[in-house]
C-alpha atoms as a PDB file:
ATOM      1  CA  MET A   1     160.807 115.013 205.481  1.00  0.00           C
ATOM      2  CA  ALA A   2     162.575 114.956 208.842  1.00  0.00           C
ATOM      3  CA  LYS A   3     166.379 115.068 208.774  1.00  0.00           C
ATOM      4  CA  ASP A   4     166.753 111.440 209.915  1.00  0.00           C
ATOM      5  CA  GLN A   5     164.127 108.712 209.675  1.00  0.00           C
ATOM      6  CA  THR A   6     164.217 104.962 210.211  1.00  0.00           C
ATOM      7  CA  TYR A   7     161.530 102.789 208.629  1.00  0.00           C
ATOM      8  CA  THR A   8     161.095  99.122 209.493  1.00  0.00           C
ATOM      9  CA  ASN A   9     158.796  96.530 207.973  1.00  0.00           C
ATOM     10  CA  ASN A  10     159.209  92.906 209.033  1.00  0.00           C
ATOM     11  CA  LEU A  11     162.931  92.146 208.508  1.00  0.00           C
ATOM     12  CA  LEU A  12     163.737  95.198 206.347  1.00  0.00           C
ATOM     13  CA  THR A  13     165.023  98.495 207.712  1.00  0.00           C
ATOM     14  CA  ILE A  14     165.511 101.605 205.585  1.00  0.00           C
ATOM     15  CA  GLN A  15     167.379 104.428 207.263  1.00  0.00           C
ATOM     16  CA  VAL A  16     167.173 107.876 205.644  1.00  0.00           C
ATOM     17  CA  GLU A  17     169.720 110.463 206.718  1.00  0.00           C
ATOM     18  CA  GLU A  18     169.881 113.967 205.291  1.00  0.00           C
ATOM     19  CA  GLN A  19     173.424 115.318 205.126  1.00  0.00           C
ATOM     20  CA  ASP A  20     174.849 118.615 203.864  1.00  0.00           C
ATOM     21  CA  ASP A  21     175.229 117.553 200.232  1.00  0.00           C
ATOM     22  CA  GLN A  22     173.275 114.295 199.985  1.00  0.00           C
ATOM     23  CA  ILE A  23     170.474 112.132 201.316  1.00  0.00           C
ATOM     24  CA  GLU A  24     171.712 108.699 202.308  1.00  0.00           C
ATOM     25  CA  VAL A  25     169.341 105.730 202.213  1.00  0.00           C
ATOM     26  CA  LYS A  26     170.798 102.663 203.980  1.00  0.00           C
ATOM     27  CA  TRP A  27     169.171  99.294 203.507  1.00  0.00           C
ATOM     28  CA  THR A  28     169.686  96.564 206.125  1.00  0.00           C
ATOM     29  CA  GLY A  29     168.110  93.243 206.978  1.00  0.00           C
ATOM     30  CA  LYS A  30     166.065  91.279 204.462  1.00  0.00           C
ATOM     31  CA  SER A  31     163.345  92.255 202.003  1.00  0.00           C
ATOM     32  CA  THR A  32     161.131  89.189 201.751  1.00  0.00           C
ATOM     33  CA  ASP A  33     157.600  90.590 201.409  1.00  0.00           C
ATOM     34  CA  ARG A  34     155.442  89.551 198.476  1.00  0.00           C
ATOM     35  CA  GLU A  35     154.516  93.163 197.785  1.00  0.00           C
ATOM     36  CA  PRO A  36     157.445  95.222 199.097  1.00  0.00           C
ATOM     37  CA  ALA A  37     156.482  98.244 196.974  1.00  0.00           C
ATOM     38  CA  LYS A  38     153.706  99.081 199.476  1.00  0.00           C
ATOM     39  CA  PHE A  39     156.408  99.787 202.064  1.00  0.00           C
ATOM     40  CA  ILE A  40     159.350 100.860 199.875  1.00  0.00           C
ATOM     41  CA  SER A  41     157.765 103.099 197.214  1.00  0.00           C
ATOM     42  CA  PRO A  42     156.328 105.818 199.509  1.00  0.00           C
ATOM     43  CA  ILE A  43     159.712 106.161 201.232  1.00  0.00           C
ATOM     44  CA  LEU A  44     161.643 106.410 197.968  1.00  0.00           C
ATOM     45  CA  ILE A  45     159.173 108.857 196.424  1.00  0.00           C
ATOM     46  CA  GLN A  46     159.479 111.069 199.500  1.00  0.00           C
ATOM     47  CA  VAL A  47     163.297 110.912 199.280  1.00  0.00           C
ATOM     48  CA  LEU A  48     163.203 111.663 195.540  1.00  0.00           C
ATOM     49  CA  LYS A  49     161.023 114.741 196.105  1.00  0.00           C
ATOM     50  CA  ALA A  50     163.166 116.003 198.995  1.00  0.00           C
ATOM     51  CA  ALA A  51     166.387 115.514 197.024  1.00  0.00           C
ATOM     52  CA  SER A  52     164.917 117.373 194.070  1.00  0.00           C
ATOM     53  CA  THR A  53     163.742 120.284 196.216  1.00  0.00           C
ATOM     54  CA  LEU A  54     167.052 120.507 198.102  1.00  0.00           C
ATOM     55  CA  ASN A  55     169.190 119.737 195.026  1.00  0.00           C
ATOM     56  CA  LYS A  56     170.970 116.852 196.779  1.00  0.00           C
ATOM     57  CA  ARG A  57     172.322 113.551 195.498  1.00  0.00           C
ATOM     58  CA  ILE A  58     170.640 110.397 196.780  1.00  0.00           C
ATOM     59  CA  ILE A  59     173.034 107.700 197.968  1.00  0.00           C
ATOM     60  CA  MET A  60     171.350 104.294 198.223  1.00  0.00           C
ATOM     61  CA  ASP A  61     173.564 101.897 200.120  1.00  0.00           C
ATOM     62  CA  PHE A  62     172.644  98.213 199.819  1.00  0.00           C
ATOM     63  CA  GLN A  63     175.980  96.828 201.058  1.00  0.00           C
ATOM     64  CA  GLN A  64     174.560  95.704 204.416  1.00  0.00           C
ATOM     65  CA  LEU A  65     171.371  94.210 202.945  1.00  0.00           C
ATOM     66  CA  GLN A  66     171.412  90.479 203.591  1.00  0.00           C
ATOM     67  CA  TYR A  67     168.789  89.479 201.035  1.00  0.00           C
ATOM     68  CA  MET A  68     166.125  90.872 198.739  1.00  0.00           C
ATOM     69  CA  ASN A  69     163.603  88.881 196.758  1.00  0.00           C
ATOM     70  CA  SER A  70     162.881  89.522 193.106  1.00  0.00           C
ATOM     71  CA  SER A  71     159.782  91.593 193.971  1.00  0.00           C
ATOM     72  CA  THR A  72     161.991  94.202 195.618  1.00  0.00           C
ATOM     73  CA  ILE A  73     163.700  95.151 192.371  1.00  0.00           C
ATOM     74  CA  THR A  74     160.449  96.535 190.879  1.00  0.00           C
ATOM     75  CA  PRO A  75     160.126  99.631 193.121  1.00  0.00           C
ATOM     76  CA  LEU A  76     163.845 100.311 192.579  1.00  0.00           C
ATOM     77  CA  ILE A  77     163.415 100.170 188.801  1.00  0.00           C
ATOM     78  CA  LYS A  78     160.447 102.546 188.999  1.00  0.00           C
ATOM     79  CA  ILE A  79     162.398 105.082 191.072  1.00  0.00           C
ATOM     80  CA  LEU A  80     165.440 104.894 188.785  1.00  0.00           C
ATOM     81  CA  ASP A  81     163.226 105.308 185.726  1.00  0.00           C
ATOM     82  CA  ARG A  82     161.503 108.297 187.306  1.00  0.00           C
ATOM     83  CA  ALA A  83     164.872 109.816 188.267  1.00  0.00           C
ATOM     84  CA  LYS A  84     166.307 109.242 184.803  1.00  0.00           C
ATOM     85  CA  LYS A  85     163.442 111.226 183.248  1.00  0.00           C
ATOM     86  CA  GLY A  86     163.928 114.044 185.758  1.00  0.00           C
ATOM     87  CA  THR A  87     166.905 115.833 187.242  1.00  0.00           C
ATOM     88  CA  ASN A  88     167.595 113.703 190.317  1.00  0.00           C
ATOM     89  CA  LYS A  89     171.083 112.398 191.024  1.00  0.00           C
ATOM     90  CA  ILE A  90     171.328 108.875 192.470  1.00  0.00           C
ATOM     91  CA  THR A  91     174.276 106.661 193.315  1.00  0.00           C
ATOM     92  CA  ILE A  92     173.642 103.042 194.295  1.00  0.00           C
ATOM     93  CA  PHE A  93     176.326 101.150 196.202  1.00  0.00           C
ATOM     94  CA  TYR A  94     176.211  97.375 196.518  1.00  0.00           C
ATOM     95  CA  HIS A  95     178.532  94.658 197.787  1.00  0.00           C
ATOM     96  CA  LYS A  96     180.152  93.254 194.658  1.00  0.00           C
ATOM     97  CA  ALA A  97     181.412  90.058 196.327  1.00  0.00           C
ATOM     98  CA  THR A  98     177.863  89.033 197.295  1.00  0.00           C
ATOM     99  CA  LYS A  99     176.592  87.038 194.325  1.00  0.00           C
ATOM    100  CA  TRP A 100     172.886  87.932 194.555  1.00  0.00           C
ATOM    101  CA  GLN A 101     173.760  91.628 194.850  1.00  0.00           C
ATOM    102  CA  GLU A 102     176.119  91.463 191.873  1.00  0.00           C
ATOM    103  CA  LEU A 103     173.401  89.817 189.744  1.00  0.00           C
ATOM    104  CA  ASN A 104     170.645  92.245 190.720  1.00  0.00           C
ATOM    105  CA  PHE A 105     172.571  95.484 190.639  1.00  0.00           C
ATOM    106  CA  THR A 106     174.586  94.935 187.474  1.00  0.00           C
ATOM    107  CA  ALA A 107     171.217  94.491 185.754  1.00  0.00           C
ATOM    108  CA  LEU A 108     170.324  98.017 186.904  1.00  0.00           C
ATOM    109  CA  GLU A 109     173.341  99.483 185.083  1.00  0.00           C
ATOM    110  CA  ILE A 110     171.063 100.162 182.096  1.00  0.00           C
ATOM    111  CA  PHE A 111     169.831 103.186 184.075  1.00  0.00           C
ATOM    112  CA  GLN A 112     173.292 104.752 184.358  1.00  0.00           C
ATOM    113  CA  THR A 113     173.700 108.078 182.586  1.00  0.00           C
ATOM    114  CA  ASP A 114     176.734 109.454 180.763  1.00  0.00           C
ATOM    115  CA  ASP A 115     176.700 112.559 182.957  1.00  0.00           C
ATOM    116  CA  ASN A 116     176.865 110.399 186.152  1.00  0.00           C
ATOM    117  CA  ARG A 117     173.490 111.584 187.403  1.00  0.00           C
ATOM    118  CA  LEU A 118     172.620 107.918 187.895  1.00  0.00           C
ATOM    119  CA  GLU A 119     175.398 105.581 188.967  1.00  0.00           C
ATOM    120  CA  ILE A 120     175.473 101.929 190.029  1.00  0.00           C
ATOM    121  CA  LYS A 121     178.720 101.034 191.854  1.00  0.00           C
ATOM    122  CA  GLY A 122     179.852  97.704 193.220  1.00  0.00           C
ATOM    123  CA  LEU A 123     182.371  97.968 196.053  1.00  0.00           C
END
């Protein structure tokens, strides 16, 4: 994985930036595809593997995402489930004042771990 990568598919942009202690994944635009997993899953799997190899926390920042359809939540659930079974550390940030984000991301709180390996935080 290159240090910094930007992936774009239709209206969705995912920017991956490797930093000293973490890999930041910024989501912007809109995720409206019927099958977004075809685009999203390979990126997230690559990030998960890199973070595991480099022992870095993944920061997924959805605060600037304008919209995501219900199909987009599926690849996120699969990555969180995979991370929960492994050793990856993931923090998800979302914009708490945006109603659709609050609804979607509070539902993902079931993946949070007591040791803070997996965190879902509304800001």
